[in-house]
Amino acid sequence: MTITRKIILGISFITLVFTLSACSFNSAKISSNEPIKIGYIGALTGKSAYIGIYIKNGLDLAVEEINQEGINGRKIKIIYEDSKSETNEAVKAVNKLIEIDQVPVIIGFDSSSSVLAAAPIVEQQKVILFAPIASAVEITKSGDYVFRNRESSFLHGEKMAELAFNKLNYKSVAILAVNSENGLGYQAGFVKKFEELGGTISKIDNYVKGEKDFRTSLTKINGTNPQAIYLAGYAAEMAEIIKQAKELDINAQLLASAGIETKDLFTIIKPPLGNGLIYSYPAFNPNDSAIADYQKKFEAKYGFKSEAFAANSYDAMQIIAQALKICGTKTSCIKDEIYKIKDYPGVGGLTTFDENGDVIKPIIFKTIKNGEFLPYENKLNN
């Protein structure tokens, strides 16, 4: 070997050593100082934007609080992706967050269909998906890395059926539900439980999300003389149904799914329209003294009180933060830590996760009275 070649090899070796040292230093610096990236996917535009913004509000408030102390010296940085209320956009966002941003956790999703479409991807890539509002029953079996802290729509449907048959003494109920995983879950739970109890479903009619004219469906339903009509869907459509039922002089009791409670409902219907409607809801009381500090911070930041969707999102981020402190960004460890959670005192309710990543939380009933969402018991006592 020539002297020149020896010199070149020597220089190359020294260069390699310094390069490797620099890489090692940068890696150490990244792991100890750079922010932990968490993905958010939700509708910030489109027909479900009000849901996506609720989720974002709770998430942002939680991150503000977490970053005051940090996660083992690191901050949380949210990478926001707008699903535009479309499932295919949500899937694109999942792939981008995993492949380009390399996030260990994705929080959000404004629809169960988006969660179900994303689940196989996160399961294969071993990335945590945490959905604060998705309720479709199919999510229960969608994967080991998929979690939610909202009760399934099927369970809500069952609970409403029990109320209708056992407490309200209704024996005949019709159903008007959106044709989606969410709406059909409420419908399936209600039908199963109501018929088990001995009740009769007089008619079922389904509609597509975004439908505005329900007069034909309501007329057909009313022709079966139900004692009540169970509405399962989203606030915009259910508001139109309430208005049109009034126009048609339909006197059956209206029951509804949890999606009826949004701060924008009374921009669509004007009180006293909607009075007396009964709906199931997560056990979240915005006036509970136990969450007064949370509500004070939320109202100061956004100018209105939190509802359950934002509360669930806030809890989701706080739960993830607890796991990050123990696990860093190792997703198998984060997953195991979430499964261990029992009776977490969240602002959205006492939270436990079962073996499927489903939440175990109580369900309550509420009613509408003069433009307010109130505990149903208040109505019974007045």
Foldseek 3Di string as FASTA:
>chain_A
DDPVVVVVVVVVVVVVVVVVVVVVVVVVCCLQEEAAEEEEEEACAADLNLLQVLLVLLQVLLQVVCQVPDQNNHGYDYDYQHLNPDLVSLQVSLCCCCVPVVHQEYEEYRELSNVLVNLVVCQVVLHAYEYADYAQPVLLQSHLRYAYADYHLLVQLQVVLCCVCPPVVFQEEEEEFEPDSQGVSSVNSNVVNNVVVPHYHQYYHYDHPPDQDCLVVLVVNVVSVGLEYEYEDAQVNVLSVLVNCVVVVRDHAYEYEARNDDLCNCVSPPPPRQFRYKYKHFPADQPDPVCVVVQVSSCVVPVDGRDLSSQSSNVVNVLLSVQCSVPPSPSVSSSVSLQPDAQDDGNNAGWHAHSSNYTDGDMFMWGDHRHDIGGVVVVVVD
